[in-house]
């Protein structure tokens, strides 16, 4: 085998080895010490609650645990950002603010507070990382730690012109007397200050949409 063929063989073997390397699990990105230092408070060790590699929880007292979640796609998805933003807009009472300098795109999603939220980073069209909760500064630092830098690539996300647009759920009518609408109204009052209430309310609207289409 001449030198050229040997070099090609080495390159192909290296590419094959990289392809066989499993994706990093959510708990592989940050250590307990990383999260504690980044948040300025003590958290527990990383735990995978469903043992599927997609979520990692670091237990802590008030304001609660810190979570890291990871999602991969086999093929690059140029519309991943557009899909994410339309879900945030149509299925929740949250707002997403662009955060330049991380990955191909990154967004801080406010959780009923001007300062507390989650950070979602899109990398290379195939990986989406979400960190939360914390402030913009805390989550940016933790994301840079997890990505060993900015995580930027040459992959470009598009505007997602083919992604269907859904209407944002309306605030429940206070004059309604049905138990379901009263529950929606109660949750709506809490949604701006309580992320759990916002999620619960969004779930109720999704259920109502499915029932309407059935």
N, C-alpha and C. Protein backbone atom coordinates (compact mmCIF):
# COMPACT_ATOMS: atom_id res chain seq x y z
N UNK A 1 0.86 -1.21 0.00
CA UNK A 1 0.00 0.00 0.00
C UNK A 1 0.89 1.24 0.00
N UNK A 2 0.66 2.14 -0.99
CA UNK A 2 1.51 3.33 -1.04
C UNK A 2 1.07 4.34 0.00
N UNK A 3 1.84 5.41 0.11
CA UNK A 3 1.61 6.39 1.16
C UNK A 3 0.24 7.06 1.01
N UNK A 4 -0.19 7.36 -0.25
CA UNK A 4 -1.47 8.02 -0.48
C UNK A 4 -2.63 7.16 0.00
N UNK A 5 -2.61 5.88 -0.38
CA UNK A 5 -3.67 4.98 0.04
C UNK A 5 -3.67 4.80 1.55
N UNK A 6 -2.50 4.77 2.15
CA UNK A 6 -2.41 4.63 3.59
C UNK A 6 -3.05 5.82 4.28
N UNK A 7 -2.77 7.02 3.75
CA UNK A 7 -3.36 8.23 4.33
C UNK A 7 -4.88 8.21 4.22
N UNK A 8 -5.39 7.79 3.02
CA UNK A 8 -6.84 7.72 2.84
C UNK A 8 -7.46 6.72 3.79
N UNK A 9 -6.79 5.60 3.99
CA UNK A 9 -7.31 4.59 4.90
C UNK A 9 -7.39 5.11 6.32
N UNK A 10 -6.37 5.85 6.73
CA UNK A 10 -6.35 6.42 8.07
C UNK A 10 -7.49 7.43 8.25
N UNK A 11 -7.71 8.26 7.20
CA UNK A 11 -8.78 9.26 7.27
C UNK A 11 -10.14 8.59 7.37
N UNK A 12 -10.37 7.56 6.55
CA UNK A 12 -11.66 6.86 6.58
C UNK A 12 -11.88 6.16 7.91
N UNK A 13 -10.83 5.58 8.46
CA UNK A 13 -10.95 4.94 9.76
C UNK A 13 -11.29 5.95 10.83
N UNK A 14 -10.67 7.13 10.76
CA UNK A 14 -10.94 8.18 11.75
C UNK A 14 -12.36 8.66 11.64
N UNK A 15 -12.84 8.85 10.38
CA UNK A 15 -14.22 9.29 10.18
C UNK A 15 -15.20 8.24 10.68
N UNK A 16 -14.89 6.97 10.43
CA UNK A 16 -15.76 5.91 10.90
C UNK A 16 -15.81 5.85 12.40
N UNK A 17 -14.65 6.06 13.04
CA UNK A 17 -14.60 6.04 14.50
C UNK A 17 -15.43 7.16 15.08
N UNK A 18 -15.35 8.36 14.44
CA UNK A 18 -16.15 9.48 14.93
C UNK A 18 -17.63 9.20 14.79
N UNK A 19 -18.02 8.55 13.68
CA UNK A 19 -19.44 8.29 13.45
C UNK A 19 -20.00 7.31 14.47
N UNK A 20 -19.14 6.43 15.00
CA UNK A 20 -19.59 5.42 15.94
C UNK A 20 -19.58 5.92 17.38
N UNK A 21 -19.00 7.07 17.61
CA UNK A 21 -18.97 7.61 18.97
C UNK A 21 -20.38 8.05 19.36
N UNK A 22 -20.93 7.53 20.47
CA UNK A 22 -22.29 7.90 20.86
C UNK A 22 -22.40 9.36 21.24
N UNK A 23 -23.61 9.91 21.12
CA UNK A 23 -23.83 11.29 21.51
C UNK A 23 -23.57 11.45 23.01
N UNK A 24 -23.12 12.65 23.39
CA UNK A 24 -22.96 12.94 24.81
C UNK A 24 -24.32 12.98 25.48
N UNK A 25 -24.38 12.47 26.69
CA UNK A 25 -25.61 12.51 27.46
C UNK A 25 -25.70 13.85 28.17
N UNK A 26 -26.90 14.22 28.59
CA UNK A 26 -27.11 15.53 29.22
C UNK A 26 -26.21 15.72 30.43
N UNK A 27 -25.98 14.66 31.18
CA UNK A 27 -25.16 14.77 32.39
C UNK A 27 -23.66 14.81 32.10
N UNK A 28 -23.27 14.68 30.84
CA UNK A 28 -21.85 14.71 30.48
C UNK A 28 -21.32 16.12 30.27
N UNK A 29 -22.22 17.11 30.18
CA UNK A 29 -21.79 18.45 29.81
C UNK A 29 -21.27 19.28 30.99
N UNK A 30 -21.86 19.13 32.16
CA UNK A 30 -21.49 19.95 33.31
C UNK A 30 -21.38 19.09 34.57
N UNK A 31 -20.37 19.38 35.37
CA UNK A 31 -20.22 18.69 36.64
C UNK A 31 -20.99 19.43 37.74
N UNK A 32 -21.11 18.80 38.87
CA UNK A 32 -21.73 19.44 40.03
C UNK A 32 -21.01 20.73 40.39
N UNK A 33 -19.67 20.69 40.33
CA UNK A 33 -18.87 21.88 40.65
C UNK A 33 -19.10 22.99 39.62
N UNK A 34 -19.22 22.62 38.35
CA UNK A 34 -19.49 23.61 37.30
C UNK A 34 -20.78 24.37 37.57
N UNK A 35 -21.85 23.62 37.86
CA UNK A 35 -23.15 24.24 38.07
C UNK A 35 -23.17 25.08 39.34
N UNK A 36 -22.59 24.55 40.40
CA UNK A 36 -22.55 25.29 41.67
C UNK A 36 -21.81 26.61 41.50
N UNK A 37 -20.67 26.57 40.79
CA UNK A 37 -19.89 27.79 40.58
C UNK A 37 -20.64 28.76 39.67
N UNK A 38 -21.29 28.24 38.65
CA UNK A 38 -21.99 29.09 37.71
C UNK A 38 -23.21 29.79 38.30
N UNK A 39 -23.91 29.10 39.19
CA UNK A 39 -25.11 29.67 39.80
C UNK A 39 -24.82 30.42 41.10
N UNK A 40 -23.65 30.19 41.66
CA UNK A 40 -23.33 30.83 42.93
C UNK A 40 -24.09 30.23 44.10
N UNK A 41 -24.49 28.97 43.97
CA UNK A 41 -25.18 28.27 45.05
C UNK A 41 -24.89 26.78 44.92
N UNK A 42 -25.02 26.06 45.98
CA UNK A 42 -24.68 24.64 45.99
C UNK A 42 -25.80 23.80 45.39
N UNK A 43 -25.42 22.90 44.48
CA UNK A 43 -26.38 21.97 43.91
C UNK A 43 -25.88 20.55 44.14
N UNK A 44 -26.78 19.60 43.99
CA UNK A 44 -26.40 18.20 44.14
C UNK A 44 -25.76 17.65 42.88
N UNK A 45 -25.34 16.40 42.96
CA UNK A 45 -24.70 15.77 41.82
C UNK A 45 -25.67 15.52 40.68
N UNK A 46 -25.15 15.38 39.46
CA UNK A 46 -26.00 15.17 38.29
C UNK A 46 -26.78 13.86 38.38
N UNK A 47 -28.06 13.91 37.99
CA UNK A 47 -28.91 12.72 38.01
C UNK A 47 -29.77 12.70 36.76
N UNK A 48 -29.81 11.54 36.11
CA UNK A 48 -30.63 11.34 34.92
C UNK A 48 -31.96 10.74 35.37
N UNK A 49 -33.02 11.54 35.49
CA UNK A 49 -34.27 11.06 36.10
C UNK A 49 -34.95 9.93 35.32
N UNK A 50 -34.77 9.89 34.00
CA UNK A 50 -35.41 8.85 33.20
C UNK A 50 -34.41 7.88 32.58
N UNK A 51 -33.16 8.07 32.89
CA UNK A 51 -32.09 7.19 32.42
C UNK A 51 -32.11 7.02 30.89
N UNK A 52 -32.37 8.13 30.20
CA UNK A 52 -32.37 8.08 28.73
C UNK A 52 -31.33 9.02 28.12
N UNK A 53 -30.58 9.72 28.98
CA UNK A 53 -29.53 10.60 28.50
C UNK A 53 -29.97 11.96 28.04
N UNK A 54 -31.28 12.21 28.03
CA UNK A 54 -31.77 13.47 27.47
C UNK A 54 -31.95 14.58 28.50
N UNK A 55 -32.02 14.23 29.77
CA UNK A 55 -32.23 15.22 30.82
C UNK A 55 -31.29 14.96 31.99
N UNK A 56 -30.77 16.04 32.56
CA UNK A 56 -29.92 15.93 33.75
C UNK A 56 -30.40 16.94 34.78
N UNK A 57 -30.59 16.47 36.00
CA UNK A 57 -31.08 17.32 37.08
C UNK A 57 -30.04 17.42 38.19
N UNK A 58 -29.83 18.66 38.66
CA UNK A 58 -28.94 18.92 39.78
C UNK A 58 -29.82 19.45 40.91
N UNK A 59 -30.04 18.61 41.91
CA UNK A 59 -30.96 18.97 42.99
C UNK A 59 -30.44 20.17 43.77
N UNK A 60 -31.38 21.01 44.23
CA UNK A 60 -31.01 22.19 45.02
C UNK A 60 -32.25 22.70 45.74
N UNK A 61 -32.01 23.47 46.79
CA UNK A 61 -33.09 24.13 47.49
C UNK A 61 -33.55 25.33 46.68
N UNK A 62 -34.34 26.20 47.26
CA UNK A 62 -34.88 27.37 46.58
C UNK A 62 -33.78 28.10 45.79
N UNK A 63 -34.04 28.47 44.54
CA UNK A 63 -35.32 28.41 43.83
C UNK A 63 -35.62 27.10 43.12
N UNK A 64 -34.93 26.02 43.45
CA UNK A 64 -35.24 24.73 42.86
C UNK A 64 -34.07 24.14 42.09
N UNK A 65 -34.27 22.95 41.51
CA UNK A 65 -33.20 22.25 40.81
C UNK A 65 -32.79 22.95 39.52
N UNK A 66 -31.58 22.61 39.07
CA UNK A 66 -31.08 23.10 37.79
C UNK A 66 -31.13 21.93 36.81
N UNK A 67 -31.53 22.22 35.57
CA UNK A 67 -31.68 21.14 34.59
C UNK A 67 -30.91 21.44 33.31
N UNK A 68 -30.42 20.38 32.71
CA UNK A 68 -29.82 20.44 31.38
C UNK A 68 -30.53 19.39 30.53
N UNK A 69 -30.96 19.78 29.34
CA UNK A 69 -31.59 18.82 28.44
C UNK A 69 -30.91 18.90 27.08
N UNK A 70 -30.88 17.76 26.40
CA UNK A 70 -30.22 17.67 25.11
C UNK A 70 -31.11 16.96 24.11
N UNK A 71 -31.11 17.44 22.88
CA UNK A 71 -31.86 16.79 21.80
C UNK A 71 -30.98 16.75 20.56
N UNK A 72 -30.98 15.61 19.89
CA UNK A 72 -30.19 15.45 18.67
C UNK A 72 -31.11 15.11 17.49
N UNK A 73 -30.69 15.49 16.30
CA UNK A 73 -31.37 15.06 15.08
C UNK A 73 -30.33 14.40 14.19
N UNK A 74 -30.73 13.34 13.49
CA UNK A 74 -29.78 12.61 12.65
C UNK A 74 -29.30 13.47 11.47
N UNK A 75 -30.20 14.25 10.92
CA UNK A 75 -29.84 15.13 9.80
C UNK A 75 -29.97 16.58 10.22
N UNK A 76 -29.12 17.46 9.73
CA UNK A 76 -29.22 18.88 10.09
C UNK A 76 -30.59 19.45 9.75
N UNK A 77 -31.16 20.18 10.68
CA UNK A 77 -32.48 20.79 10.49
C UNK A 77 -32.33 22.31 10.47
N UNK A 78 -32.39 22.88 9.27
CA UNK A 78 -32.20 24.32 9.14
C UNK A 78 -33.37 25.11 9.73
N UNK A 79 -34.50 24.44 9.95
CA UNK A 79 -35.68 25.14 10.48
C UNK A 79 -35.87 24.90 11.97
N UNK A 80 -34.89 24.31 12.63
CA UNK A 80 -35.03 23.99 14.06
C UNK A 80 -35.32 25.23 14.90
N UNK A 81 -34.63 26.33 14.61
CA UNK A 81 -34.83 27.56 15.38
C UNK A 81 -36.23 28.11 15.14
N UNK A 82 -36.66 28.14 13.89
CA UNK A 82 -38.00 28.66 13.57
C UNK A 82 -39.08 27.83 14.24
N UNK A 83 -38.92 26.52 14.25
CA UNK A 83 -39.89 25.65 14.90
C UNK A 83 -39.95 25.93 16.40
N UNK A 84 -38.79 26.09 17.00
CA UNK A 84 -38.71 26.37 18.43
C UNK A 84 -39.42 27.68 18.77
N UNK A 85 -39.14 28.73 18.00
CA UNK A 85 -39.73 30.04 18.29
C UNK A 85 -41.24 30.02 18.11
N UNK A 86 -41.73 29.30 17.14
CA UNK A 86 -43.16 29.25 16.92
C UNK A 86 -43.88 28.45 18.00
N UNK A 87 -43.21 27.44 18.55
CA UNK A 87 -43.78 26.71 19.67
C UNK A 87 -43.86 27.60 20.90
N UNK A 88 -42.76 28.34 21.17
CA UNK A 88 -42.75 29.25 22.31
C UNK A 88 -43.86 30.29 22.18
N UNK A 89 -44.03 30.80 20.97
CA UNK A 89 -45.02 31.85 20.76
C UNK A 89 -46.44 31.33 20.82
N UNK A 90 -46.68 30.15 20.25
CA UNK A 90 -48.05 29.66 20.12
C UNK A 90 -48.51 28.77 21.27
N UNK A 91 -47.57 28.17 22.01
CA UNK A 91 -47.97 27.18 23.01
C UNK A 91 -47.66 27.59 24.44
N UNK A 92 -47.23 28.82 24.66
CA UNK A 92 -46.92 29.23 26.03
C UNK A 92 -47.12 30.73 26.18
N UNK A 93 -46.99 31.20 27.41
CA UNK A 93 -47.08 32.63 27.69
C UNK A 93 -45.69 33.20 27.94
N UNK A 94 -44.68 32.62 27.28
CA UNK A 94 -43.30 33.05 27.47
C UNK A 94 -42.82 33.90 26.31
N UNK A 95 -41.69 34.56 26.51
CA UNK A 95 -41.05 35.33 25.45
C UNK A 95 -39.61 34.86 25.32
N UNK A 96 -39.10 34.84 24.08
CA UNK A 96 -37.74 34.40 23.81
C UNK A 96 -36.91 35.56 23.28
N UNK A 97 -35.77 35.80 23.92
CA UNK A 97 -34.88 36.89 23.54
C UNK A 97 -33.59 36.33 22.94
N UNK A 98 -33.20 36.74 21.72
CA UNK A 98 -31.97 36.25 21.12
C UNK A 98 -30.75 36.57 21.98
N UNK A 99 -29.82 35.63 22.03
CA UNK A 99 -28.59 35.82 22.79
C UNK A 99 -27.41 35.52 21.87
N UNK A 100 -26.84 36.54 21.24
CA UNK A 100 -25.76 36.33 20.26
C UNK A 100 -24.51 35.73 20.90
N UNK A 101 -23.71 35.07 20.03
CA UNK A 101 -22.41 34.59 20.48
C UNK A 101 -22.38 33.18 21.00
N UNK A 102 -23.50 32.46 20.89
CA UNK A 102 -23.55 31.07 21.34
C UNK A 102 -24.13 30.20 20.23
N UNK A 103 -23.40 29.13 19.85
CA UNK A 103 -23.88 28.21 18.85
C UNK A 103 -24.24 28.89 17.54
N UNK A 104 -25.17 28.25 16.79
CA UNK A 104 -25.67 28.87 15.58
C UNK A 104 -26.75 29.87 15.90
N UNK A 105 -27.39 29.69 17.05
CA UNK A 105 -28.42 30.60 17.56
C UNK A 105 -28.68 30.22 19.00
N UNK A 106 -29.09 31.19 19.80
CA UNK A 106 -29.39 30.93 21.20
C UNK A 106 -30.48 31.90 21.66
N UNK A 107 -31.32 31.43 22.58
CA UNK A 107 -32.44 32.24 23.06
C UNK A 107 -32.63 32.07 24.56
N UNK A 108 -32.80 33.20 25.23
CA UNK A 108 -33.14 33.20 26.64
C UNK A 108 -34.66 33.29 26.73
N UNK A 109 -35.27 32.30 27.34
CA UNK A 109 -36.73 32.26 27.45
C UNK A 109 -37.12 32.66 28.87
N UNK A 110 -37.81 33.78 28.98
CA UNK A 110 -38.21 34.31 30.28
C UNK A 110 -39.29 33.43 30.91
N UNK A 111 -39.09 33.09 32.17
CA UNK A 111 -40.04 32.24 32.88
C UNK A 111 -40.78 33.05 33.94
N UNK A 112 -41.67 33.92 33.48
CA UNK A 112 -42.46 34.72 34.41
C UNK A 112 -41.64 35.72 35.18
N UNK A 113 -40.44 36.03 34.70
CA UNK A 113 -39.56 36.96 35.40
C UNK A 113 -38.68 37.66 34.39
N UNK A 114 -38.30 38.89 34.69
CA UNK A 114 -37.42 39.64 33.79
C UNK A 114 -35.99 39.12 33.85
N UNK A 115 -35.63 38.44 34.93
CA UNK A 115 -34.24 38.02 35.11
C UNK A 115 -34.03 36.51 35.09
N UNK A 116 -35.03 35.72 35.46
CA UNK A 116 -34.88 34.27 35.52
C UNK A 116 -35.49 33.62 34.28
N UNK A 117 -34.80 32.59 33.78
CA UNK A 117 -35.32 31.89 32.62
C UNK A 117 -34.47 30.70 32.25
N UNK A 118 -34.68 30.22 31.04
CA UNK A 118 -33.90 29.11 30.51
C UNK A 118 -33.17 29.57 29.25
N UNK A 119 -32.10 28.87 28.91
CA UNK A 119 -31.31 29.21 27.73
C UNK A 119 -31.27 28.00 26.81
N UNK A 120 -31.69 28.19 25.56
CA UNK A 120 -31.65 27.12 24.56
C UNK A 120 -30.64 27.50 23.48
N UNK A 121 -29.70 26.59 23.21
CA UNK A 121 -28.63 26.83 22.25
C UNK A 121 -28.72 25.79 21.13
N UNK A 122 -28.68 26.27 19.90
CA UNK A 122 -28.74 25.40 18.72
C UNK A 122 -27.34 25.30 18.11
N UNK A 123 -26.88 24.07 17.89
CA UNK A 123 -25.50 23.87 17.42
C UNK A 123 -25.48 22.95 16.19
N UNK A 124 -24.96 23.47 15.10
CA UNK A 124 -24.70 22.66 13.92
C UNK A 124 -25.90 22.03 13.25
N UNK A 125 -27.09 22.45 13.58
CA UNK A 125 -28.28 21.90 12.96
C UNK A 125 -28.72 20.56 13.53
N UNK A 126 -27.89 19.94 14.37
CA UNK A 126 -28.21 18.60 14.86
C UNK A 126 -28.29 18.49 16.38
N UNK A 127 -27.93 19.54 17.10
CA UNK A 127 -27.93 19.47 18.56
C UNK A 127 -28.58 20.69 19.16
N UNK A 128 -29.45 20.46 20.14
CA UNK A 128 -30.10 21.54 20.86
C UNK A 128 -29.93 21.30 22.36
N UNK A 129 -29.33 22.27 23.03
CA UNK A 129 -29.07 22.18 24.47
C UNK A 129 -29.90 23.23 25.20
N UNK A 130 -30.53 22.84 26.30
CA UNK A 130 -31.30 23.78 27.10
C UNK A 130 -30.82 23.74 28.55
N UNK A 131 -30.60 24.91 29.12
CA UNK A 131 -30.14 25.05 30.49
C UNK A 131 -31.15 25.89 31.28
N UNK A 132 -31.37 25.56 32.54
CA UNK A 132 -32.27 26.41 33.33
C UNK A 132 -32.55 25.82 34.71
N UNK A 133 -32.95 26.68 35.62
CA UNK A 133 -33.15 28.10 35.36
C UNK A 133 -32.01 28.93 35.98
N UNK A 134 -31.94 30.20 35.50
CA UNK A 134 -30.92 31.09 36.00
C UNK A 134 -31.03 32.42 35.28
N UNK A 135 -30.09 33.31 35.56
CA UNK A 135 -30.06 34.59 34.86
C UNK A 135 -29.34 34.43 33.53
N UNK A 136 -29.43 35.43 32.68
CA UNK A 136 -28.75 35.40 31.38
C UNK A 136 -27.26 35.18 31.58
N UNK A 137 -26.66 35.93 32.50
CA UNK A 137 -25.22 35.85 32.72
C UNK A 137 -24.82 34.46 33.21
N UNK A 138 -25.60 33.90 34.15
CA UNK A 138 -25.29 32.59 34.68
C UNK A 138 -25.38 31.51 33.60
N UNK A 139 -26.45 31.55 32.83
CA UNK A 139 -26.67 30.52 31.83
C UNK A 139 -25.71 30.64 30.65
N UNK A 140 -25.35 31.86 30.29
CA UNK A 140 -24.36 32.03 29.22
C UNK A 140 -23.03 31.40 29.63
N UNK A 141 -22.60 31.68 30.86
CA UNK A 141 -21.33 31.13 31.34
C UNK A 141 -21.37 29.60 31.39
N UNK A 142 -22.49 29.05 31.84
CA UNK A 142 -22.61 27.60 31.91
C UNK A 142 -22.66 26.98 30.52
N UNK A 143 -23.32 27.65 29.58
CA UNK A 143 -23.37 27.14 28.20
C UNK A 143 -21.97 27.14 27.58
N UNK A 144 -21.21 28.20 27.82
CA UNK A 144 -19.85 28.27 27.29
C UNK A 144 -18.98 27.18 27.91
N UNK A 145 -19.22 26.89 29.17
CA UNK A 145 -18.49 25.81 29.84
C UNK A 145 -18.84 24.47 29.22
N UNK A 146 -20.14 24.24 29.00
CA UNK A 146 -20.60 22.98 28.43
C UNK A 146 -20.12 22.78 27.00
N UNK A 147 -20.08 23.85 26.23
CA UNK A 147 -19.70 23.78 24.82
C UNK A 147 -18.20 23.97 24.60
N UNK A 148 -17.48 24.22 25.70
CA UNK A 148 -16.03 24.50 25.63
C UNK A 148 -15.79 25.65 24.66
N UNK A 149 -16.50 26.74 24.87
CA UNK A 149 -16.40 27.91 24.01
C UNK A 149 -17.78 28.34 23.56
N UNK A 150 -17.85 28.94 22.39
CA UNK A 150 -19.13 29.45 21.90
C UNK A 150 -20.00 28.38 21.27
N UNK A 151 -19.37 27.30 20.80
CA UNK A 151 -20.13 26.26 20.13
C UNK A 151 -20.55 26.65 18.73
N UNK A 152 -19.95 27.69 18.19
CA UNK A 152 -20.31 28.16 16.86
C UNK A 152 -19.82 27.23 15.76
N UNK A 153 -20.60 27.10 14.69
CA UNK A 153 -20.23 26.31 13.51
C UNK A 153 -20.57 27.12 12.27
N UNK A 154 -20.31 26.55 11.11
CA UNK A 154 -20.63 27.23 9.85
C UNK A 154 -22.06 26.96 9.41
N UNK A 155 -22.78 26.10 10.13
CA UNK A 155 -24.15 25.77 9.75
C UNK A 155 -25.06 26.99 9.94
N UNK A 156 -25.94 27.23 8.96
CA UNK A 156 -26.84 28.39 9.03
C UNK A 156 -28.29 27.93 9.17
N UNK A 157 -28.97 28.49 10.14
CA UNK A 157 -30.41 28.23 10.32
C UNK A 157 -31.19 29.25 9.49
N UNK A 158 -32.34 28.83 8.93
CA UNK A 158 -33.12 29.74 8.11
C UNK A 158 -34.35 30.24 8.86
N UNK A 159 -35.17 31.02 8.17
CA UNK A 159 -36.32 31.66 8.81
C UNK A 159 -37.51 30.74 8.97
N UNK A 160 -37.42 29.54 8.39
CA UNK A 160 -38.50 28.57 8.55
C UNK A 160 -39.80 28.98 7.90
N UNK A 161 -39.72 29.41 6.65
CA UNK A 161 -40.93 29.88 5.96
C UNK A 161 -41.96 28.79 5.75
N UNK A 162 -41.53 27.51 5.81
CA UNK A 162 -42.48 26.41 5.60
C UNK A 162 -43.06 25.88 6.91
N UNK A 163 -42.64 26.45 8.04
CA UNK A 163 -43.14 25.99 9.33
C UNK A 163 -44.53 26.58 9.56
N UNK A 164 -45.54 25.75 9.83
CA UNK A 164 -46.90 26.27 10.05
C UNK A 164 -46.95 27.23 11.23
N UNK A 165 -47.77 28.25 11.11
CA UNK A 165 -47.93 29.24 12.17
C UNK A 165 -49.20 28.93 12.95
N UNK A 166 -49.08 28.89 14.28
CA UNK A 166 -50.24 28.64 15.14
C UNK A 166 -50.56 29.90 15.93
N UNK A 167 -51.83 30.08 16.22
CA UNK A 167 -52.25 31.26 16.99
C UNK A 167 -51.88 31.10 18.45
N UNK A 168 -51.46 32.20 19.06
CA UNK A 168 -51.12 32.18 20.49
C UNK A 168 -52.40 32.02 21.30
N UNK A 169 -52.40 31.21 22.36
CA UNK A 169 -53.61 31.02 23.14
C UNK A 169 -54.10 32.32 23.76
N UNK A 170 -55.40 32.52 23.73
CA UNK A 170 -55.99 33.74 24.29
C UNK A 170 -56.18 33.59 25.78
N UNK A 171 -56.20 34.72 26.46
CA UNK A 171 -56.47 34.71 27.90
C UNK A 171 -57.92 34.30 28.14
N UNK A 172 -58.17 33.42 29.09
CA UNK A 172 -59.54 32.95 29.34
C UNK A 172 -60.49 34.10 29.65
N UNK A 173 -61.75 33.89 29.32
CA UNK A 173 -62.80 34.88 29.56
C UNK A 173 -63.26 34.84 31.00
N UNK A 174 -63.15 35.97 31.70
CA UNK A 174 -63.50 36.02 33.12
C UNK A 174 -64.98 35.77 33.37
N UNK A 175 -65.81 35.98 32.36
CA UNK A 175 -67.26 35.82 32.54
C UNK A 175 -67.70 34.36 32.42
N UNK A 176 -66.80 33.48 31.99
CA UNK A 176 -67.16 32.08 31.85
C UNK A 176 -67.40 31.46 33.21
N UNK A 177 -68.37 30.55 33.27
CA UNK A 177 -68.67 29.89 34.53
C UNK A 177 -68.32 28.41 34.51
N UNK A 178 -67.79 27.90 33.36
CA UNK A 178 -67.46 26.48 33.29
C UNK A 178 -66.22 26.19 34.14
N UNK A 179 -66.15 25.01 34.76
CA UNK A 179 -64.98 24.66 35.58
C UNK A 179 -63.67 24.73 34.81
N UNK A 180 -63.69 24.30 33.53
CA UNK A 180 -62.47 24.32 32.73
C UNK A 180 -62.00 25.75 32.48
N UNK A 181 -62.93 26.65 32.11
CA UNK A 181 -62.55 28.03 31.86
C UNK A 181 -62.11 28.72 33.15
N UNK A 182 -62.71 28.34 34.27
CA UNK A 182 -62.29 28.92 35.54
C UNK A 182 -60.87 28.49 35.88
N UNK A 183 -60.54 27.23 35.57
CA UNK A 183 -59.18 26.74 35.80
C UNK A 183 -58.21 27.50 34.91
N UNK A 184 -58.59 27.71 33.65
CA UNK A 184 -57.73 28.48 32.74
C UNK A 184 -57.52 29.90 33.26
N UNK A 185 -58.59 30.50 33.77
CA UNK A 185 -58.49 31.86 34.28
C UNK A 185 -57.56 31.93 35.48
N UNK A 186 -57.69 30.96 36.39
CA UNK A 186 -56.83 30.94 37.58
C UNK A 186 -55.37 30.77 37.19
N UNK A 187 -55.12 29.87 36.23
CA UNK A 187 -53.74 29.65 35.79
C UNK A 187 -53.19 30.86 35.06
N UNK A 188 -54.05 31.54 34.29
CA UNK A 188 -53.60 32.72 33.55
C UNK A 188 -53.14 33.81 34.50
N UNK A 189 -53.81 33.94 35.64
CA UNK A 189 -53.42 34.96 36.61
C UNK A 189 -52.04 34.68 37.20
N UNK A 190 -51.69 33.39 37.26
CA UNK A 190 -50.40 32.99 37.85
C UNK A 190 -49.29 32.87 36.80
N UNK A 191 -49.67 32.77 35.53
CA UNK A 191 -48.71 32.43 34.48
C UNK A 191 -47.56 33.41 34.36
N UNK A 192 -47.82 34.69 34.56
CA UNK A 192 -46.77 35.68 34.40
C UNK A 192 -45.70 35.58 35.47
N UNK A 193 -46.06 35.01 36.62
CA UNK A 193 -45.09 34.93 37.71
C UNK A 193 -44.69 33.51 38.04
N UNK A 194 -45.32 32.53 37.42
CA UNK A 194 -45.08 31.14 37.77
C UNK A 194 -44.92 30.32 36.50
N UNK A 195 -43.70 29.82 36.27
CA UNK A 195 -43.44 29.06 35.05
C UNK A 195 -44.27 27.78 34.99
N UNK A 196 -44.49 27.13 36.13
CA UNK A 196 -45.27 25.90 36.16
C UNK A 196 -46.71 26.17 35.75
N UNK A 197 -47.26 27.29 36.19
CA UNK A 197 -48.62 27.66 35.82
C UNK A 197 -48.71 27.95 34.34
N UNK A 198 -47.69 28.58 33.78
CA UNK A 198 -47.68 28.87 32.34
C UNK A 198 -47.67 27.59 31.53
N UNK A 199 -46.88 26.62 31.96
CA UNK A 199 -46.84 25.34 31.27
C UNK A 199 -48.17 24.61 31.37
N UNK A 200 -48.75 24.62 32.56
CA UNK A 200 -50.04 23.95 32.77
C UNK A 200 -51.12 24.57 31.90
N UNK A 201 -51.12 25.89 31.80
CA UNK A 201 -52.11 26.57 30.99
C UNK A 201 -51.92 26.24 29.51
N UNK A 202 -50.67 26.22 29.07
CA UNK A 202 -50.40 25.86 27.67
C UNK A 202 -50.86 24.45 27.36
N UNK A 203 -50.67 23.53 28.31
CA UNK A 203 -51.12 22.15 28.12
C UNK A 203 -52.63 22.08 27.99
N UNK A 204 -53.35 22.88 28.78
CA UNK A 204 -54.80 22.90 28.69
C UNK A 204 -55.26 23.35 27.30
N UNK A 205 -54.58 24.36 26.77
CA UNK A 205 -54.95 24.84 25.44
C UNK A 205 -54.63 23.82 24.36
N UNK A 206 -53.51 23.10 24.52
CA UNK A 206 -53.19 22.06 23.56
C UNK A 206 -54.25 20.97 23.57
N UNK A 207 -54.70 20.58 24.78
CA UNK A 207 -55.74 19.57 24.90
C UNK A 207 -57.02 20.02 24.24
N UNK A 208 -57.37 21.29 24.43
CA UNK A 208 -58.58 21.83 23.83
C UNK A 208 -58.49 21.83 22.32
N UNK A 209 -57.30 22.12 21.79
CA UNK A 209 -57.11 22.13 20.34
C UNK A 209 -57.30 20.75 19.75
N UNK A 210 -56.74 19.74 20.43
CA UNK A 210 -56.87 18.36 19.96
C UNK A 210 -58.33 17.92 19.97
N UNK A 211 -59.07 18.30 21.02
CA UNK A 211 -60.49 17.93 21.12
C UNK A 211 -61.29 18.60 20.02
N UNK A 212 -60.93 19.83 19.68
CA UNK A 212 -61.65 20.55 18.62
C UNK A 212 -61.43 19.92 17.26
N UNK A 213 -60.20 19.40 17.03
CA UNK A 213 -59.87 18.82 15.74
C UNK A 213 -60.44 17.40 15.61
N UNK A 214 -60.70 16.75 16.75
CA UNK A 214 -61.17 15.35 16.71
C UNK A 214 -62.56 15.23 16.09
